Amino acid sequence: MLGREPPPDTAWVRFAGPAKLRIGDVIGRLHDVAAEWAAIGPGSARAQRFSSFGEGSVICYPATTLMNVECIRIGAGTVIGPYVALSAGMVPGQPCASDSVVVIGDRCLIGRGSGIVGHLSIEIGHDVWAGHHIYITDQNHGFDDPSLPISQQIQPERAVRIGDGSWIGHGAVILPGARIGRHVVIGANSVVAGEIPDYSVAVGAPARVIRRLNE
């Protein structure tokens, strides 16, 4: 009938359907094996390149960027999700201020697709959980000189600190000089540029305290 699709070739459908399923199963198993075997764990050659890499910790496969890891410390029992970037400095081989430019404590969780880029000091305490796609940096670009491109106006680094037991919501941005206290909740998509006191909830851009928690 005019306007109707011709009936499918049932023989081809019977052949292609199971074949695609089997091939899909094989690809899925290979992906699972690669994700397990290619993860970075304690004792591996890649983990030994870090300044320290705690027992029971893992960087899930794949990681997008692992730069100058000899200046990065990771505590014990920490899980860093896939597609995460961990960087000390801006280019490979750049001399770092110390072997502790980026420090991630024990029992932390860094969500998939996140980026942590340190130049001076980024310190994440113990038991800090962070959602997906967060960004933490201790350096930004200036804009005081209108005759220069923004990319050429580097501001001085300012250390970042996130206290023990805090939660960083999905998509949050932690900017240079941020000081987040202990047991703090940072709402999703918030931008932190200043100090957030212990036992508080902060949301917004810039993040502001909206609630204080009992210790």
N, C-alpha and C. Protein backbone atom coordinates (compact mmCIF):
# COMPACT_ATOMS: atom_id res chain seq x y z
N MET A 1 0.86 -1.19 0.00
CA MET A 1 0.00 0.00 0.00
C MET A 1 0.89 1.23 0.00
N LEU A 2 0.43 2.28 -0.72
CA LEU A 2 1.21 3.50 -0.84
C LEU A 2 1.44 4.12 0.54
N GLY A 3 2.70 4.52 0.82
CA GLY A 3 3.03 5.17 2.08
C GLY A 3 3.43 4.23 3.19
N ARG A 4 3.29 2.93 2.99
CA ARG A 4 3.68 1.98 4.04
C ARG A 4 5.07 1.43 3.77
N GLU A 5 5.82 1.18 4.83
CA GLU A 5 7.15 0.61 4.71
C GLU A 5 7.03 -0.84 4.27
N PRO A 6 7.95 -1.30 3.42
CA PRO A 6 7.93 -2.71 3.03
C PRO A 6 8.22 -3.60 4.24
N PRO A 7 7.69 -4.78 4.27
CA PRO A 7 7.93 -5.66 5.42
C PRO A 7 9.41 -6.01 5.52
N PRO A 8 9.93 -6.15 6.71
CA PRO A 8 11.35 -6.49 6.86
C PRO A 8 11.64 -7.90 6.37
N ASP A 9 12.88 -8.09 6.00
CA ASP A 9 13.34 -9.43 5.61
C ASP A 9 13.52 -10.23 6.89
N THR A 10 12.56 -11.06 7.18
CA THR A 10 12.57 -11.75 8.47
C THR A 10 13.78 -12.65 8.65
N ALA A 11 14.29 -13.21 7.57
CA ALA A 11 15.48 -14.06 7.68
C ALA A 11 16.68 -13.22 8.14
N TRP A 12 16.81 -12.03 7.57
CA TRP A 12 17.94 -11.16 7.96
C TRP A 12 17.78 -10.69 9.41
N VAL A 13 16.54 -10.36 9.79
CA VAL A 13 16.30 -9.93 11.16
C VAL A 13 16.68 -11.04 12.14
N ARG A 14 16.28 -12.29 11.81
CA ARG A 14 16.61 -13.42 12.69
C ARG A 14 18.11 -13.61 12.79
N PHE A 15 18.83 -13.36 11.68
CA PHE A 15 20.29 -13.55 11.69
C PHE A 15 20.99 -12.41 12.40
N ALA A 16 20.64 -11.16 12.02
CA ALA A 16 21.38 -10.00 12.53
C ALA A 16 21.10 -9.74 13.99
N GLY A 17 19.87 -9.96 14.44
CA GLY A 17 19.54 -9.66 15.82
C GLY A 17 20.41 -10.42 16.81
N PRO A 18 20.41 -11.75 16.80
CA PRO A 18 21.26 -12.51 17.73
C PRO A 18 22.74 -12.22 17.54
N ALA A 19 23.18 -12.01 16.28
CA ALA A 19 24.60 -11.73 16.05
C ALA A 19 25.00 -10.43 16.72
N LYS A 20 24.18 -9.40 16.55
CA LYS A 20 24.50 -8.12 17.18
C LYS A 20 24.52 -8.24 18.69
N LEU A 21 23.59 -9.03 19.23
CA LEU A 21 23.58 -9.22 20.67
C LEU A 21 24.85 -9.89 21.16
N ARG A 22 25.28 -10.93 20.43
CA ARG A 22 26.50 -11.63 20.84
C ARG A 22 27.71 -10.73 20.73
N ILE A 23 27.81 -9.99 19.62
CA ILE A 23 28.94 -9.07 19.47
C ILE A 23 28.90 -8.00 20.54
N GLY A 24 27.70 -7.49 20.82
CA GLY A 24 27.57 -6.49 21.88
C GLY A 24 28.01 -7.02 23.23
N ASP A 25 27.66 -8.29 23.51
CA ASP A 25 28.09 -8.89 24.77
C ASP A 25 29.61 -8.99 24.85
N VAL A 26 30.25 -9.36 23.75
CA VAL A 26 31.71 -9.46 23.72
C VAL A 26 32.34 -8.10 23.95
N ILE A 27 31.84 -7.09 23.24
CA ILE A 27 32.37 -5.74 23.41
C ILE A 27 32.19 -5.26 24.84
N GLY A 28 31.02 -5.53 25.41
CA GLY A 28 30.77 -5.13 26.79
C GLY A 28 31.72 -5.81 27.77
N ARG A 29 31.97 -7.12 27.56
CA ARG A 29 32.89 -7.83 28.45
C ARG A 29 34.31 -7.29 28.31
N LEU A 30 34.73 -7.00 27.07
CA LEU A 30 36.05 -6.43 26.86
C LEU A 30 36.18 -5.07 27.54
N HIS A 31 35.12 -4.28 27.46
CA HIS A 31 35.14 -2.98 28.13
C HIS A 31 35.28 -3.15 29.63
N ASP A 32 34.52 -4.10 30.20
CA ASP A 32 34.59 -4.34 31.64
C ASP A 32 35.98 -4.80 32.06
N VAL A 33 36.57 -5.69 31.25
CA VAL A 33 37.92 -6.18 31.57
C VAL A 33 38.93 -5.04 31.48
N ALA A 34 38.81 -4.21 30.43
CA ALA A 34 39.73 -3.09 30.29
C ALA A 34 39.60 -2.12 31.45
N ALA A 35 38.34 -1.83 31.86
CA ALA A 35 38.12 -0.92 32.96
C ALA A 35 38.73 -1.45 34.26
N GLU A 36 38.67 -2.78 34.45
CA GLU A 36 39.22 -3.37 35.68
C GLU A 36 40.74 -3.43 35.62
N TRP A 37 41.28 -3.90 34.53
CA TRP A 37 42.71 -4.10 34.44
C TRP A 37 43.47 -2.79 34.28
N ALA A 38 42.87 -1.81 33.60
CA ALA A 38 43.57 -0.56 33.33
C ALA A 38 43.43 0.47 34.44
N ALA A 39 42.61 0.19 35.47
CA ALA A 39 42.52 1.09 36.61
C ALA A 39 43.86 1.16 37.32
N ILE A 40 44.14 2.28 37.95
CA ILE A 40 45.40 2.47 38.67
C ILE A 40 45.17 2.16 40.14
N GLY A 41 45.88 1.20 40.64
CA GLY A 41 45.76 0.81 42.04
C GLY A 41 47.10 0.74 42.71
N PRO A 42 47.13 0.57 44.04
CA PRO A 42 48.39 0.51 44.78
C PRO A 42 49.31 -0.59 44.25
N GLY A 43 50.57 -0.30 44.19
CA GLY A 43 51.56 -1.28 43.75
C GLY A 43 51.78 -1.32 42.27
N SER A 44 50.90 -0.72 41.49
CA SER A 44 51.11 -0.71 40.04
C SER A 44 52.21 0.27 39.68
N ALA A 45 52.79 0.07 38.51
CA ALA A 45 53.88 0.95 38.08
C ALA A 45 53.42 2.39 37.98
N ARG A 46 52.19 2.60 37.52
CA ARG A 46 51.69 3.97 37.39
C ARG A 46 51.44 4.60 38.75
N ALA A 47 50.97 3.81 39.72
CA ALA A 47 50.75 4.35 41.05
C ALA A 47 52.06 4.76 41.71
N GLN A 48 53.13 4.04 41.41
CA GLN A 48 54.42 4.34 42.01
C GLN A 48 55.01 5.66 41.52
N ARG A 49 54.46 6.20 40.44
CA ARG A 49 54.93 7.49 39.96
C ARG A 49 54.40 8.64 40.82
N PHE A 50 53.30 8.40 41.54
CA PHE A 50 52.73 9.45 42.40
C PHE A 50 53.63 9.70 43.61
N SER A 51 53.50 10.88 44.18
CA SER A 51 54.24 11.18 45.41
C SER A 51 53.88 10.19 46.50
N SER A 52 52.60 9.85 46.59
CA SER A 52 52.15 8.74 47.44
C SER A 52 50.78 8.28 46.92
N PHE A 53 50.52 6.99 47.11
CA PHE A 53 49.27 6.39 46.62
C PHE A 53 48.85 5.36 47.65
N GLY A 54 47.77 5.67 48.40
CA GLY A 54 47.39 4.87 49.56
C GLY A 54 46.79 3.53 49.22
N GLU A 55 46.87 2.62 50.20
CA GLU A 55 46.28 1.29 50.07
C GLU A 55 44.76 1.38 49.87
N GLY A 56 44.25 0.55 48.99
CA GLY A 56 42.83 0.49 48.76
C GLY A 56 42.28 1.60 47.90
N SER A 57 43.14 2.46 47.36
CA SER A 57 42.68 3.55 46.50
C SER A 57 42.70 3.11 45.04
N VAL A 58 41.95 3.82 44.21
CA VAL A 58 41.89 3.48 42.80
C VAL A 58 41.57 4.72 41.99
N ILE A 59 42.19 4.82 40.82
CA ILE A 59 41.80 5.79 39.80
C ILE A 59 41.18 4.98 38.67
N CYS A 60 39.88 5.17 38.46
CA CYS A 60 39.15 4.35 37.50
C CYS A 60 39.57 4.69 36.07
N TYR A 61 39.45 3.69 35.22
CA TYR A 61 39.78 3.84 33.80
C TYR A 61 38.55 4.29 33.04
N PRO A 62 38.72 5.22 32.06
CA PRO A 62 39.97 5.91 31.73
C PRO A 62 40.09 7.24 32.46
N ALA A 63 41.32 7.66 32.69
CA ALA A 63 41.59 9.01 33.18
C ALA A 63 41.88 9.90 31.97
N THR A 64 41.42 11.14 32.00
CA THR A 64 41.66 12.01 30.85
C THR A 64 43.06 12.61 30.88
N THR A 65 43.50 13.08 32.05
CA THR A 65 44.83 13.68 32.18
C THR A 65 45.41 13.34 33.54
N LEU A 66 46.64 12.86 33.55
CA LEU A 66 47.41 12.67 34.78
C LEU A 66 48.76 13.33 34.54
N MET A 67 48.91 14.57 35.03
CA MET A 67 50.10 15.36 34.70
C MET A 67 50.94 15.65 35.94
N ASN A 68 52.23 15.37 35.83
CA ASN A 68 53.19 15.63 36.90
C ASN A 68 52.73 14.98 38.22
N VAL A 69 52.40 13.70 38.13
CA VAL A 69 51.82 13.01 39.27
C VAL A 69 52.81 12.83 40.42
N GLU A 70 54.08 13.06 40.18
CA GLU A 70 55.05 13.00 41.26
C GLU A 70 54.80 14.10 42.29
N CYS A 71 53.94 15.06 41.98
CA CYS A 71 53.58 16.13 42.90
C CYS A 71 52.14 15.97 43.41
N ILE A 72 51.60 14.77 43.30
CA ILE A 72 50.22 14.50 43.72
C ILE A 72 50.22 13.38 44.75
N ARG A 73 49.52 13.61 45.86
CA ARG A 73 49.41 12.61 46.93
C ARG A 73 47.95 12.14 47.04
N ILE A 74 47.76 10.85 47.12
CA ILE A 74 46.43 10.27 47.28
C ILE A 74 46.44 9.37 48.50
N GLY A 75 45.47 9.57 49.39
CA GLY A 75 45.41 8.80 50.62
C GLY A 75 44.89 7.39 50.40
N ALA A 76 44.51 6.75 51.50
CA ALA A 76 44.04 5.36 51.47
C ALA A 76 42.53 5.30 51.30
N GLY A 77 42.07 4.26 50.59
CA GLY A 77 40.65 4.02 50.46
C GLY A 77 39.90 5.07 49.66
N THR A 78 40.59 5.75 48.77
CA THR A 78 39.99 6.83 47.97
C THR A 78 39.65 6.31 46.58
N VAL A 79 38.50 6.72 46.07
CA VAL A 79 38.05 6.32 44.73
C VAL A 79 37.96 7.58 43.86
N ILE A 80 38.67 7.57 42.76
CA ILE A 80 38.63 8.65 41.79
C ILE A 80 38.00 8.10 40.52
N GLY A 81 36.88 8.69 40.13
CA GLY A 81 36.07 8.15 39.05
C GLY A 81 36.72 8.25 37.69
N PRO A 82 36.08 7.68 36.66
CA PRO A 82 36.62 7.74 35.30
C PRO A 82 36.52 9.14 34.71
N TYR A 83 37.32 9.37 33.69
CA TYR A 83 37.34 10.64 32.96
C TYR A 83 37.69 11.83 33.85
N VAL A 84 38.51 11.59 34.86
CA VAL A 84 38.96 12.64 35.77
C VAL A 84 40.34 13.13 35.34
N ALA A 85 40.57 14.44 35.48
CA ALA A 85 41.87 15.03 35.22
C ALA A 85 42.51 15.43 36.54
N LEU A 86 43.73 14.96 36.79
CA LEU A 86 44.53 15.36 37.95
C LEU A 86 45.82 15.97 37.42
N SER A 87 46.08 17.21 37.79
CA SER A 87 47.22 17.90 37.21
C SER A 87 47.92 18.76 38.25
N ALA A 88 49.25 18.68 38.26
CA ALA A 88 50.09 19.61 39.02
C ALA A 88 50.88 20.42 37.99
N GLY A 89 50.54 21.70 37.88
CA GLY A 89 51.18 22.52 36.87
C GLY A 89 50.39 22.53 35.57
N MET A 90 50.93 23.24 34.58
CA MET A 90 50.21 23.45 33.32
C MET A 90 50.77 22.61 32.18
N VAL A 91 52.03 22.21 32.26
CA VAL A 91 52.64 21.46 31.16
C VAL A 91 53.43 20.29 31.75
N PRO A 92 53.57 19.20 31.02
CA PRO A 92 54.37 18.06 31.51
C PRO A 92 55.80 18.47 31.81
N GLY A 93 56.30 17.97 32.93
CA GLY A 93 57.68 18.26 33.32
C GLY A 93 57.88 19.59 34.00
N GLN A 94 56.83 20.34 34.22
CA GLN A 94 56.97 21.64 34.87
C GLN A 94 57.44 21.45 36.32
N PRO A 95 58.46 22.19 36.75
CA PRO A 95 58.88 22.10 38.16
C PRO A 95 57.76 22.55 39.08
N CYS A 96 57.52 21.77 40.12
CA CYS A 96 56.43 22.08 41.05
C CYS A 96 56.96 22.72 42.32
N ALA A 97 56.07 23.41 43.02
CA ALA A 97 56.47 24.07 44.26
C ALA A 97 56.87 23.06 45.33
N SER A 98 56.26 21.87 45.31
CA SER A 98 56.57 20.82 46.28
C SER A 98 56.07 19.50 45.72
N ASP A 99 56.27 18.42 46.48
CA ASP A 99 55.72 17.13 46.06
C ASP A 99 54.31 16.93 46.59
N SER A 100 53.69 18.02 47.07
CA SER A 100 52.34 17.94 47.62
C SER A 100 51.48 19.07 47.05
N VAL A 101 51.58 19.29 45.75
CA VAL A 101 50.77 20.35 45.13
C VAL A 101 49.29 20.00 45.21
N VAL A 102 48.96 18.75 44.92
CA VAL A 102 47.58 18.27 45.06
C VAL A 102 47.59 17.13 46.07
N VAL A 103 46.79 17.29 47.13
CA VAL A 103 46.70 16.26 48.17
C VAL A 103 45.23 15.89 48.33
N ILE A 104 44.94 14.60 48.18
CA ILE A 104 43.59 14.07 48.38
C ILE A 104 43.67 13.08 49.53
N GLY A 105 42.85 13.26 50.54
CA GLY A 105 42.97 12.48 51.77
C GLY A 105 42.41 11.07 51.67
N ASP A 106 42.20 10.47 52.84
CA ASP A 106 41.70 9.10 52.93
C ASP A 106 40.18 9.05 52.71
N ARG A 107 39.74 7.96 52.11
CA ARG A 107 38.31 7.64 51.98
C ARG A 107 37.52 8.73 51.24
N CYS A 108 38.16 9.33 50.28
CA CYS A 108 37.49 10.35 49.47
C CYS A 108 36.86 9.73 48.23
N LEU A 109 35.93 10.45 47.65
CA LEU A 109 35.31 10.05 46.39
C LEU A 109 35.25 11.26 45.47
N ILE A 110 35.87 11.14 44.30
CA ILE A 110 35.85 12.20 43.30
C ILE A 110 35.06 11.69 42.11
N GLY A 111 33.96 12.37 41.78
CA GLY A 111 33.03 11.90 40.76
C GLY A 111 33.60 11.97 39.36
N ARG A 112 33.00 11.23 38.45
CA ARG A 112 33.45 11.13 37.07
C ARG A 112 33.43 12.50 36.39
N GLY A 113 34.37 12.68 35.47
CA GLY A 113 34.42 13.90 34.68
C GLY A 113 34.91 15.12 35.42
N SER A 114 35.49 14.95 36.59
CA SER A 114 35.96 16.10 37.37
C SER A 114 37.37 16.50 36.98
N GLY A 115 37.76 17.72 37.36
CA GLY A 115 39.11 18.20 37.09
C GLY A 115 39.68 18.88 38.32
N ILE A 116 40.89 18.48 38.70
CA ILE A 116 41.61 19.10 39.82
C ILE A 116 42.96 19.53 39.29
N VAL A 117 43.16 20.85 39.22
CA VAL A 117 44.36 21.41 38.60
C VAL A 117 45.05 22.32 39.61
N GLY A 118 46.17 21.86 40.15
CA GLY A 118 46.89 22.62 41.16
C GLY A 118 48.21 23.18 40.65
N HIS A 119 48.58 24.34 41.15
CA HIS A 119 49.87 24.95 40.84
C HIS A 119 50.67 25.22 42.12
N LEU A 120 49.98 25.58 43.18
CA LEU A 120 50.61 25.88 44.46
C LEU A 120 50.20 24.86 45.52
N SER A 121 48.90 24.83 45.85
CA SER A 121 48.44 23.90 46.88
C SER A 121 46.93 23.72 46.81
N ILE A 122 46.51 22.49 46.56
CA ILE A 122 45.11 22.09 46.72
C ILE A 122 45.09 20.93 47.71
N GLU A 123 44.43 21.14 48.83
CA GLU A 123 44.38 20.11 49.87
C GLU A 123 42.94 19.72 50.13
N ILE A 124 42.63 18.46 49.86
CA ILE A 124 41.31 17.90 50.11
C ILE A 124 41.43 16.96 51.30
N GLY A 125 40.66 17.22 52.35
CA GLY A 125 40.79 16.45 53.58
C GLY A 125 40.26 15.03 53.47
N HIS A 126 40.12 14.38 54.60
CA HIS A 126 39.63 13.01 54.65
C HIS A 126 38.09 12.98 54.51
N ASP A 127 37.59 11.89 53.96
CA ASP A 127 36.15 11.64 53.89
C ASP A 127 35.40 12.74 53.14
N VAL A 128 36.04 13.32 52.15
CA VAL A 128 35.37 14.31 51.30
C VAL A 128 34.79 13.59 50.08
N TRP A 129 33.52 13.81 49.85
CA TRP A 129 32.86 13.23 48.68
C TRP A 129 32.47 14.35 47.74
N ALA A 130 32.73 14.14 46.46
CA ALA A 130 32.44 15.14 45.45
C ALA A 130 31.64 14.51 44.32
N GLY A 131 30.63 15.20 43.84
CA GLY A 131 29.81 14.69 42.75
C GLY A 131 30.53 14.73 41.42
N HIS A 132 29.79 14.44 40.36
CA HIS A 132 30.38 14.42 39.02
C HIS A 132 30.66 15.84 38.53
N HIS A 133 31.66 15.94 37.68
CA HIS A 133 31.94 17.16 36.91
C HIS A 133 32.21 18.38 37.79
N ILE A 134 32.92 18.19 38.88
CA ILE A 134 33.37 19.34 39.66
C ILE A 134 34.71 19.83 39.11
N TYR A 135 35.07 21.07 39.44
CA TYR A 135 36.35 21.63 39.00
C TYR A 135 36.97 22.38 40.17
N ILE A 136 38.23 22.07 40.44
CA ILE A 136 38.96 22.71 41.55
C ILE A 136 40.28 23.21 41.01
N THR A 137 40.60 24.49 41.25
CA THR A 137 41.88 25.04 40.81
C THR A 137 42.35 26.10 41.79
N ASP A 138 43.66 26.29 41.87
CA ASP A 138 44.23 27.33 42.73
C ASP A 138 44.83 28.47 41.92
N GLN A 139 44.56 28.52 40.62
CA GLN A 139 45.05 29.62 39.80
C GLN A 139 43.99 30.00 38.77
N ASN A 140 43.90 31.28 38.47
CA ASN A 140 42.93 31.76 37.50
C ASN A 140 43.60 32.79 36.60
N HIS A 141 42.84 33.34 35.66
CA HIS A 141 43.36 34.37 34.76
C HIS A 141 42.84 35.74 35.18
N GLY A 142 43.72 36.74 35.06
CA GLY A 142 43.31 38.12 35.35
C GLY A 142 42.70 38.78 34.14
N PHE A 143 42.23 40.01 34.35
CA PHE A 143 41.64 40.78 33.25
C PHE A 143 41.85 42.28 33.47
N ASP A 144 42.88 42.65 34.25
CA ASP A 144 43.11 44.05 34.58
C ASP A 144 43.64 44.86 33.41
N ASP A 145 44.43 44.24 32.53
CA ASP A 145 45.05 44.94 31.42
C ASP A 145 44.25 44.69 30.14
N PRO A 146 43.48 45.66 29.68
CA PRO A 146 42.65 45.43 28.49
C PRO A 146 43.44 45.28 27.21
N SER A 147 44.75 45.60 27.25
CA SER A 147 45.56 45.49 26.03
C SER A 147 46.10 44.08 25.83
N LEU A 148 45.96 43.22 26.84
CA LEU A 148 46.49 41.86 26.75
C LEU A 148 45.37 40.85 26.67
N PRO A 149 45.58 39.76 25.93
CA PRO A 149 44.60 38.67 25.96
C PRO A 149 44.45 38.11 27.38
N ILE A 150 43.26 37.70 27.71
CA ILE A 150 43.01 37.15 29.04
C ILE A 150 43.96 36.00 29.35
N SER A 151 44.27 35.19 28.33
CA SER A 151 45.11 34.02 28.55
C SER A 151 46.51 34.37 28.99
N GLN A 152 46.95 35.62 28.78
CA GLN A 152 48.30 36.04 29.16
C GLN A 152 48.33 36.75 30.51
N GLN A 153 47.19 36.86 31.15
CA GLN A 153 47.12 37.59 32.42
C GLN A 153 46.92 36.60 33.57
N ILE A 154 47.97 35.90 33.90
CA ILE A 154 47.91 34.90 34.96
C ILE A 154 47.94 35.57 36.32
N GLN A 155 47.02 35.19 37.18
CA GLN A 155 47.01 35.70 38.54
C GLN A 155 47.88 34.82 39.44
N PRO A 156 48.39 35.37 40.53
CA PRO A 156 49.16 34.55 41.47
C PRO A 156 48.30 33.41 42.02
N GLU A 157 48.96 32.29 42.31
CA GLU A 157 48.24 31.16 42.88
C GLU A 157 47.80 31.47 44.30
N ARG A 158 46.64 30.93 44.68
CA ARG A 158 46.15 31.03 46.05
C ARG A 158 45.66 29.66 46.48
N ALA A 159 46.17 29.20 47.60
CA ALA A 159 45.91 27.83 48.06
C ALA A 159 44.42 27.59 48.28
N VAL A 160 44.02 26.33 48.04
CA VAL A 160 42.64 25.88 48.23
C VAL A 160 42.63 24.79 49.29
N ARG A 161 41.64 24.85 50.17
CA ARG A 161 41.53 23.84 51.24
C ARG A 161 40.07 23.41 51.37
N ILE A 162 39.85 22.10 51.40
CA ILE A 162 38.52 21.53 51.65
C ILE A 162 38.63 20.65 52.88
N GLY A 163 37.85 20.95 53.91
CA GLY A 163 37.96 20.27 55.19
C GLY A 163 37.37 18.88 55.20
N ASP A 164 37.71 18.14 56.24
CA ASP A 164 37.27 16.76 56.40
C ASP A 164 35.74 16.66 56.40
N GLY A 165 35.24 15.57 55.81
CA GLY A 165 33.84 15.23 55.93
C GLY A 165 32.89 16.09 55.13
N SER A 166 33.40 16.84 54.16
CA SER A 166 32.53 17.74 53.39
C SER A 166 32.01 17.06 52.13
N TRP A 167 30.96 17.66 51.58
CA TRP A 167 30.33 17.16 50.36
C TRP A 167 30.30 18.29 49.35
N ILE A 168 30.81 18.01 48.13
CA ILE A 168 30.83 18.99 47.04
C ILE A 168 29.84 18.51 45.98
N GLY A 169 28.79 19.29 45.73
CA GLY A 169 27.73 18.86 44.83
C GLY A 169 28.14 18.86 43.37
N HIS A 170 27.35 18.17 42.58
CA HIS A 170 27.57 18.02 41.14
C HIS A 170 27.80 19.37 40.47
N GLY A 171 28.85 19.44 39.66
CA GLY A 171 29.09 20.62 38.85
C GLY A 171 29.63 21.82 39.58
N ALA A 172 29.99 21.69 40.85
CA ALA A 172 30.51 22.82 41.61
C ALA A 172 31.90 23.22 41.10
N VAL A 173 32.23 24.50 41.26
CA VAL A 173 33.53 25.04 40.88
C VAL A 173 34.17 25.66 42.12
N ILE A 174 35.37 25.22 42.43
CA ILE A 174 36.10 25.71 43.59
C ILE A 174 37.27 26.53 43.07
N LEU A 175 37.26 27.83 43.34
CA LEU A 175 38.21 28.77 42.75
C LEU A 175 39.39 29.06 43.70
N PRO A 176 40.45 29.70 43.18
CA PRO A 176 41.62 30.00 44.00
C PRO A 176 41.26 30.75 45.28
N GLY A 177 41.89 30.36 46.36
CA GLY A 177 41.67 31.00 47.65
C GLY A 177 40.50 30.46 48.42
N ALA A 178 39.74 29.53 47.87
CA ALA A 178 38.58 28.97 48.58
C ALA A 178 39.04 28.20 49.81
N ARG A 179 38.36 28.42 50.91
CA ARG A 179 38.63 27.71 52.17
C ARG A 179 37.32 27.14 52.66
N ILE A 180 37.11 25.88 52.42
CA ILE A 180 35.87 25.20 52.81
C ILE A 180 36.14 24.43 54.09
N GLY A 181 35.31 24.66 55.08
CA GLY A 181 35.55 24.06 56.39
C GLY A 181 35.18 22.58 56.45
N ARG A 182 35.08 22.08 57.68
CA ARG A 182 34.75 20.69 57.93
C ARG A 182 33.23 20.49 57.89
N HIS A 183 32.81 19.33 57.39
CA HIS A 183 31.40 18.95 57.36
C HIS A 183 30.56 20.04 56.71
N VAL A 184 30.99 20.47 55.55
CA VAL A 184 30.29 21.50 54.78
C VAL A 184 29.61 20.86 53.58
N VAL A 185 28.42 21.35 53.26
CA VAL A 185 27.72 20.94 52.04
C VAL A 185 27.78 22.10 51.05
N ILE A 186 28.34 21.84 49.86
CA ILE A 186 28.35 22.81 48.77
C ILE A 186 27.32 22.35 47.74
N GLY A 187 26.32 23.17 47.48
CA GLY A 187 25.24 22.79 46.59
C GLY A 187 25.69 22.59 45.16
N ALA A 188 24.92 21.84 44.41
CA ALA A 188 25.23 21.57 43.00
C ALA A 188 25.36 22.87 42.21
N ASN A 189 26.35 22.90 41.32
CA ASN A 189 26.60 24.02 40.41
C ASN A 189 26.98 25.32 41.13
N SER A 190 27.36 25.23 42.38
CA SER A 190 27.80 26.42 43.11
C SER A 190 29.23 26.78 42.73
N VAL A 191 29.58 28.05 42.96
CA VAL A 191 30.93 28.55 42.70
C VAL A 191 31.48 29.11 44.00
N VAL A 192 32.54 28.51 44.51
CA VAL A 192 33.11 28.90 45.80
C VAL A 192 34.39 29.68 45.56
N ALA A 193 34.41 30.92 46.05
CA ALA A 193 35.59 31.76 45.87
C ALA A 193 36.14 32.29 47.19
N GLY A 194 35.45 32.07 48.29
CA GLY A 194 35.87 32.59 49.57
C GLY A 194 35.88 31.52 50.64
N GLU A 195 35.59 31.94 51.87
CA GLU A 195 35.64 31.03 53.01
C GLU A 195 34.23 30.58 53.38
N ILE A 196 34.08 29.28 53.56
CA ILE A 196 32.82 28.69 54.01
C ILE A 196 33.10 28.03 55.36
N PRO A 197 32.45 28.47 56.43
CA PRO A 197 32.79 27.96 57.76
C PRO A 197 32.35 26.52 57.99
N ASP A 198 32.90 25.92 59.02
CA ASP A 198 32.56 24.55 59.39
C ASP A 198 31.05 24.40 59.59
N TYR A 199 30.55 23.19 59.34
CA TYR A 199 29.18 22.81 59.65
C TYR A 199 28.16 23.78 59.05
N SER A 200 28.25 23.96 57.74
CA SER A 200 27.32 24.87 57.08
C SER A 200 26.95 24.33 55.71
N VAL A 201 25.89 24.92 55.14
CA VAL A 201 25.43 24.61 53.79
C VAL A 201 25.54 25.89 52.98
N ALA A 202 26.21 25.80 51.82
CA ALA A 202 26.40 26.98 50.97
C ALA A 202 25.98 26.66 49.55
N VAL A 203 25.28 27.59 48.92
CA VAL A 203 24.82 27.39 47.55
C VAL A 203 24.96 28.70 46.78
N GLY A 204 24.95 28.59 45.44
CA GLY A 204 24.90 29.77 44.60
C GLY A 204 26.22 30.12 43.96
N ALA A 205 26.19 31.20 43.17
CA ALA A 205 27.38 31.69 42.48
C ALA A 205 27.43 33.21 42.63
N PRO A 206 28.24 33.73 43.55
CA PRO A 206 29.14 32.99 44.43
C PRO A 206 28.37 32.29 45.56
N ALA A 207 28.96 31.22 46.08
CA ALA A 207 28.31 30.44 47.12
C ALA A 207 28.17 31.25 48.40
N ARG A 208 26.98 31.18 48.99
CA ARG A 208 26.71 31.86 50.26
C ARG A 208 26.08 30.86 51.22
N VAL A 209 26.39 31.04 52.50
CA VAL A 209 25.87 30.15 53.53
C VAL A 209 24.37 30.40 53.69
N ILE A 210 23.59 29.34 53.61
CA ILE A 210 22.15 29.46 53.80
C ILE A 210 21.68 28.72 55.04
N ARG A 211 22.56 27.93 55.63
CA ARG A 211 22.15 27.15 56.79
C ARG A 211 23.38 26.75 57.58
N ARG A 212 23.25 26.74 58.90
CA ARG A 212 24.31 26.26 59.77
C ARG A 212 23.87 24.95 60.38
N LEU A 213 24.77 23.95 60.40
CA LEU A 213 24.48 22.64 60.94
C LEU A 213 24.98 22.55 62.38
N ASN A 214 24.32 21.71 63.17
CA ASN A 214 24.79 21.48 64.54
C ASN A 214 26.01 20.59 64.49
N GLU A 215 27.00 20.90 65.31
CA GLU A 215 28.21 20.09 65.35
C GLU A 215 27.87 18.72 65.94
